[in-house]
Amino acid sequence: MTAEQTAEQKAAAAKAAEEQAAAEQAKKDAEAKAAAEAKAKAAQKPAAKPNGLKVVGAAVVLRADDGSERYLYRGATVDAAAFSKDSIKHAIAVGLIAKA
């Protein structure tokens, strides 16, 4: 009967080792898949095109076409398409934004 217990114990230990190896492989596969998805997502993201405007004053308030306003602080890049032309022209005229 001792031989049967030993065989059962060996079988249980082998099964546990197989399950652990399978779990480790599944973890490696999941990590590889996540890395591949992150790389693919980064490759799909278009590079930001600089539009050449930057806040040079301490801060500037720019008005959008819908009437809302947005505060931008020194060093921020300005997307001219997101704001009204009059607001951009005024901010350039008073020296709050300039071409980078």
N, C-alpha and C. Protein backbone atom coordinates (compact mmCIF):
# COMPACT_ATOMS: atom_id res chain seq x y z
N MET A 1 0.81 -1.18 0.00
CA MET A 1 0.00 0.00 0.00
C MET A 1 0.87 1.26 0.00
N THR A 2 2.03 1.18 0.54
CA THR A 2 2.95 2.30 0.53
C THR A 2 3.35 2.64 -0.89
N ALA A 3 3.51 1.64 -1.74
CA ALA A 3 3.88 1.87 -3.14
C ALA A 3 2.78 2.61 -3.87
N GLU A 4 1.51 2.32 -3.55
CA GLU A 4 0.40 3.01 -4.20
C GLU A 4 0.37 4.48 -3.78
N GLN A 5 0.59 4.77 -2.53
CA GLN A 5 0.60 6.15 -2.06
C GLN A 5 1.74 6.92 -2.72
N THR A 6 2.86 6.29 -2.83
CA THR A 6 3.99 6.95 -3.46
C THR A 6 3.70 7.24 -4.92
N ALA A 7 3.08 6.31 -5.61
CA ALA A 7 2.72 6.52 -7.01
C ALA A 7 1.69 7.64 -7.12
N GLU A 8 0.72 7.66 -6.22
CA GLU A 8 -0.28 8.73 -6.22
C GLU A 8 0.36 10.08 -5.92
N GLN A 9 1.29 10.07 -4.98
CA GLN A 9 1.98 11.31 -4.64
C GLN A 9 2.81 11.81 -5.83
N LYS A 10 3.47 10.88 -6.51
CA LYS A 10 4.25 11.26 -7.69
C LYS A 10 3.34 11.83 -8.78
N ALA A 11 2.19 11.20 -8.98
CA ALA A 11 1.26 11.66 -9.99
C ALA A 11 0.72 13.05 -9.64
N ALA A 12 0.42 13.26 -8.37
CA ALA A 12 -0.08 14.56 -7.92
C ALA A 12 1.00 15.63 -8.08
N ALA A 13 2.24 15.28 -7.75
CA ALA A 13 3.34 16.24 -7.89
C ALA A 13 3.58 16.56 -9.37
N ALA A 14 3.49 15.55 -10.23
CA ALA A 14 3.67 15.78 -11.67
C ALA A 14 2.54 16.65 -12.21
N LYS A 15 1.33 16.40 -11.76
CA LYS A 15 0.19 17.20 -12.22
C LYS A 15 0.34 18.65 -11.76
N ALA A 16 0.77 18.85 -10.52
CA ALA A 16 0.97 20.21 -10.01
C ALA A 16 2.06 20.92 -10.79
N ALA A 17 3.13 20.21 -11.13
CA ALA A 17 4.21 20.81 -11.90
C ALA A 17 3.73 21.19 -13.31
N GLU A 18 2.91 20.34 -13.91
CA GLU A 18 2.37 20.64 -15.24
C GLU A 18 1.45 21.86 -15.19
N GLU A 19 0.62 21.93 -14.15
CA GLU A 19 -0.28 23.07 -14.01
C GLU A 19 0.50 24.37 -13.80
N GLN A 20 1.55 24.30 -13.01
CA GLN A 20 2.37 25.49 -12.77
C GLN A 20 3.07 25.93 -14.06
N ALA A 21 3.58 24.97 -14.81
CA ALA A 21 4.24 25.30 -16.08
C ALA A 21 3.24 25.90 -17.06
N ALA A 22 2.02 25.35 -17.08
CA ALA A 22 0.98 25.89 -17.97
C ALA A 22 0.60 27.31 -17.56
N ALA A 23 0.51 27.55 -16.26
CA ALA A 23 0.17 28.89 -15.77
C ALA A 23 1.27 29.89 -16.11
N GLU A 24 2.52 29.48 -15.97
CA GLU A 24 3.64 30.36 -16.31
C GLU A 24 3.65 30.67 -17.81
N GLN A 25 3.37 29.66 -18.63
CA GLN A 25 3.34 29.87 -20.08
C GLN A 25 2.18 30.80 -20.46
N ALA A 26 1.03 30.62 -19.80
CA ALA A 26 -0.12 31.49 -20.08
C ALA A 26 0.21 32.93 -19.70
N LYS A 27 0.92 33.12 -18.59
CA LYS A 27 1.32 34.47 -18.17
C LYS A 27 2.28 35.09 -19.18
N LYS A 28 3.24 34.31 -19.66
CA LYS A 28 4.18 34.81 -20.66
C LYS A 28 3.46 35.17 -21.96
N ASP A 29 2.49 34.31 -22.35
CA ASP A 29 1.72 34.59 -23.56
C ASP A 29 0.92 35.87 -23.42
N ALA A 30 0.30 36.07 -22.26
CA ALA A 30 -0.50 37.28 -22.03
C ALA A 30 0.39 38.52 -22.06
N GLU A 31 1.57 38.43 -21.46
CA GLU A 31 2.50 39.57 -21.47
C GLU A 31 2.96 39.88 -22.90
N ALA A 32 3.25 38.85 -23.66
CA ALA A 32 3.69 39.05 -25.05
C ALA A 32 2.57 39.67 -25.88
N LYS A 33 1.34 39.21 -25.65
CA LYS A 33 0.19 39.75 -26.39
C LYS A 33 -0.02 41.22 -26.03
N ALA A 34 0.07 41.55 -24.75
CA ALA A 34 -0.10 42.94 -24.31
C ALA A 34 0.99 43.83 -24.91
N ALA A 35 2.20 43.34 -24.94
CA ALA A 35 3.30 44.12 -25.52
C ALA A 35 3.09 44.33 -27.02
N ALA A 36 2.63 43.31 -27.70
CA ALA A 36 2.38 43.42 -29.13
C ALA A 36 1.24 44.40 -29.41
N GLU A 37 0.19 44.36 -28.59
CA GLU A 37 -0.92 45.29 -28.76
C GLU A 37 -0.48 46.73 -28.50
N ALA A 38 0.34 46.93 -27.47
CA ALA A 38 0.83 48.28 -27.17
C ALA A 38 1.70 48.81 -28.31
N LYS A 39 2.53 47.93 -28.87
CA LYS A 39 3.39 48.33 -29.98
C LYS A 39 2.56 48.68 -31.21
N ALA A 40 1.52 47.87 -31.48
CA ALA A 40 0.65 48.13 -32.62
C ALA A 40 -0.12 49.44 -32.43
N LYS A 41 -0.57 49.70 -31.22
CA LYS A 41 -1.30 50.93 -30.93
C LYS A 41 -0.40 52.14 -31.11
N ALA A 42 0.84 52.04 -30.66
CA ALA A 42 1.79 53.14 -30.81
C ALA A 42 2.10 53.39 -32.28
N ALA A 43 2.15 52.33 -33.06
CA ALA A 43 2.45 52.47 -34.49
C ALA A 43 1.28 53.12 -35.24
N GLN A 44 0.05 52.91 -34.76
CA GLN A 44 -1.12 53.47 -35.42
C GLN A 44 -1.30 54.95 -35.10
N LYS A 45 -0.81 55.39 -33.96
CA LYS A 45 -1.00 56.77 -33.54
C LYS A 45 -0.19 57.69 -34.45
N PRO A 46 -0.86 58.61 -35.12
CA PRO A 46 -0.12 59.51 -36.00
C PRO A 46 0.74 60.47 -35.20
N ALA A 47 1.86 60.81 -35.76
CA ALA A 47 2.76 61.74 -35.08
C ALA A 47 2.12 63.12 -35.07
N ALA A 48 2.26 63.81 -33.94
CA ALA A 48 1.68 65.14 -33.82
C ALA A 48 2.44 66.10 -34.73
N LYS A 49 1.68 66.82 -35.53
CA LYS A 49 2.31 67.78 -36.42
C LYS A 49 2.39 69.12 -35.72
N PRO A 50 3.56 69.66 -35.59
CA PRO A 50 3.66 70.97 -34.96
C PRO A 50 3.07 72.02 -35.89
N ASN A 51 2.23 72.89 -35.33
CA ASN A 51 1.64 73.92 -36.16
C ASN A 51 2.40 75.22 -36.06
N GLY A 52 3.45 75.24 -35.25
CA GLY A 52 4.33 76.38 -35.22
C GLY A 52 3.94 77.49 -34.27
N LEU A 53 2.90 77.32 -33.44
CA LEU A 53 2.53 78.34 -32.48
C LEU A 53 2.77 77.84 -31.06
N LYS A 54 3.28 78.73 -30.22
CA LYS A 54 3.60 78.37 -28.85
C LYS A 54 3.29 79.55 -27.95
N VAL A 55 2.84 79.27 -26.73
CA VAL A 55 2.56 80.34 -25.77
C VAL A 55 3.89 80.86 -25.24
N VAL A 56 4.12 82.16 -25.41
CA VAL A 56 5.37 82.77 -24.93
C VAL A 56 5.11 83.69 -23.75
N GLY A 57 3.88 84.10 -23.55
CA GLY A 57 3.53 84.88 -22.37
C GLY A 57 3.33 83.95 -21.19
N ALA A 58 3.06 84.52 -20.02
CA ALA A 58 2.83 83.68 -18.84
C ALA A 58 1.61 82.80 -19.04
N ALA A 59 0.57 83.37 -19.62
CA ALA A 59 -0.65 82.61 -19.91
C ALA A 59 -1.44 83.37 -20.97
N VAL A 60 -2.33 82.65 -21.64
CA VAL A 60 -3.18 83.27 -22.64
C VAL A 60 -4.54 82.59 -22.57
N VAL A 61 -5.58 83.38 -22.80
CA VAL A 61 -6.93 82.84 -22.88
C VAL A 61 -7.36 82.92 -24.33
N LEU A 62 -7.65 81.78 -24.92
CA LEU A 62 -8.07 81.74 -26.32
C LEU A 62 -9.52 81.30 -26.40
N ARG A 63 -10.27 81.95 -27.29
CA ARG A 63 -11.69 81.66 -27.46
C ARG A 63 -11.86 80.71 -28.65
N ALA A 64 -12.67 79.69 -28.43
CA ALA A 64 -12.99 78.74 -29.50
C ALA A 64 -14.15 79.30 -30.32
N ASP A 65 -14.40 78.72 -31.47
CA ASP A 65 -15.49 79.16 -32.33
C ASP A 65 -16.86 79.02 -31.66
N ASP A 66 -16.98 78.07 -30.73
CA ASP A 66 -18.27 77.87 -30.06
C ASP A 66 -18.47 78.83 -28.89
N GLY A 67 -17.51 79.71 -28.64
CA GLY A 67 -17.64 80.69 -27.57
C GLY A 67 -16.96 80.30 -26.26
N SER A 68 -16.54 79.07 -26.14
CA SER A 68 -15.86 78.66 -24.91
C SER A 68 -14.44 79.23 -24.91
N GLU A 69 -13.85 79.28 -23.73
CA GLU A 69 -12.49 79.81 -23.60
C GLU A 69 -11.59 78.77 -22.96
N ARG A 70 -10.32 78.86 -23.29
CA ARG A 70 -9.36 77.92 -22.72
C ARG A 70 -8.11 78.67 -22.32
N TYR A 71 -7.63 78.37 -21.14
CA TYR A 71 -6.38 78.95 -20.65
C TYR A 71 -5.23 78.06 -21.08
N LEU A 72 -4.19 78.67 -21.62
CA LEU A 72 -2.97 77.94 -21.98
C LEU A 72 -1.81 78.67 -21.30
N TYR A 73 -0.86 77.91 -20.82
CA TYR A 73 0.24 78.49 -20.07
C TYR A 73 1.55 78.41 -20.87
N ARG A 74 2.54 79.20 -20.44
CA ARG A 74 3.82 79.31 -21.14
C ARG A 74 4.37 77.94 -21.51
N GLY A 75 4.78 77.85 -22.77
CA GLY A 75 5.37 76.60 -23.27
C GLY A 75 4.38 75.69 -23.97
N ALA A 76 3.09 75.94 -23.80
CA ALA A 76 2.09 75.07 -24.44
C ALA A 76 2.06 75.33 -25.94
N THR A 77 1.85 74.27 -26.69
CA THR A 77 1.68 74.44 -28.14
C THR A 77 0.22 74.79 -28.40
N VAL A 78 0.00 75.60 -29.41
CA VAL A 78 -1.34 76.08 -29.73
C VAL A 78 -1.80 75.47 -31.05
N ASP A 79 -2.94 74.79 -31.01
CA ASP A 79 -3.56 74.26 -32.22
C ASP A 79 -4.48 75.35 -32.75
N ALA A 80 -4.02 76.06 -33.75
CA ALA A 80 -4.77 77.21 -34.28
C ALA A 80 -6.14 76.80 -34.79
N ALA A 81 -6.29 75.59 -35.25
CA ALA A 81 -7.58 75.13 -35.78
C ALA A 81 -8.63 74.99 -34.68
N ALA A 82 -8.21 74.89 -33.44
CA ALA A 82 -9.14 74.69 -32.34
C ALA A 82 -9.71 76.01 -31.81
N PHE A 83 -9.17 77.14 -32.25
CA PHE A 83 -9.57 78.44 -31.72
C PHE A 83 -9.99 79.37 -32.85
N SER A 84 -10.72 80.42 -32.48
CA SER A 84 -11.18 81.37 -33.50
C SER A 84 -9.98 82.14 -34.06
N LYS A 85 -10.10 82.51 -35.33
CA LYS A 85 -9.01 83.25 -35.98
C LYS A 85 -8.76 84.59 -35.32
N ASP A 86 -9.84 85.25 -34.90
CA ASP A 86 -9.69 86.55 -34.23
C ASP A 86 -8.94 86.42 -32.92
N SER A 87 -9.22 85.38 -32.18
CA SER A 87 -8.55 85.15 -30.90
C SER A 87 -7.05 84.90 -31.12
N ILE A 88 -6.73 84.10 -32.12
CA ILE A 88 -5.32 83.82 -32.44
C ILE A 88 -4.62 85.09 -32.89
N LYS A 89 -5.26 85.86 -33.77
CA LYS A 89 -4.65 87.11 -34.26
C LYS A 89 -4.39 88.08 -33.12
N HIS A 90 -5.35 88.20 -32.22
CA HIS A 90 -5.18 89.11 -31.08
C HIS A 90 -4.03 88.66 -30.17
N ALA A 91 -3.97 87.36 -29.87
CA ALA A 91 -2.92 86.86 -28.99
C ALA A 91 -1.54 87.05 -29.61
N ILE A 92 -1.44 86.90 -30.92
CA ILE A 92 -0.16 87.16 -31.62
C ILE A 92 0.17 88.64 -31.56
N ALA A 93 -0.83 89.48 -31.78
CA ALA A 93 -0.62 90.93 -31.80
C ALA A 93 -0.11 91.48 -30.46
N VAL A 94 -0.61 90.92 -29.37
CA VAL A 94 -0.18 91.40 -28.05
C VAL A 94 1.01 90.63 -27.50
N GLY A 95 1.53 89.67 -28.28
CA GLY A 95 2.75 88.99 -27.91
C GLY A 95 2.59 87.83 -26.94
N LEU A 96 1.38 87.28 -26.82
CA LEU A 96 1.17 86.15 -25.90
C LEU A 96 1.49 84.81 -26.55
N ILE A 97 1.33 84.72 -27.88
CA ILE A 97 1.74 83.52 -28.60
C ILE A 97 2.58 83.96 -29.78
N ALA A 98 3.45 83.06 -30.21
CA ALA A 98 4.34 83.37 -31.33
C ALA A 98 4.65 82.09 -32.08
N LYS A 99 5.19 82.25 -33.27
CA LYS A 99 5.63 81.09 -34.03
C LYS A 99 6.83 80.47 -33.33
N ALA A 100 6.82 79.17 -33.26
CA ALA A 100 7.90 78.47 -32.55
C ALA A 100 9.16 78.44 -33.36
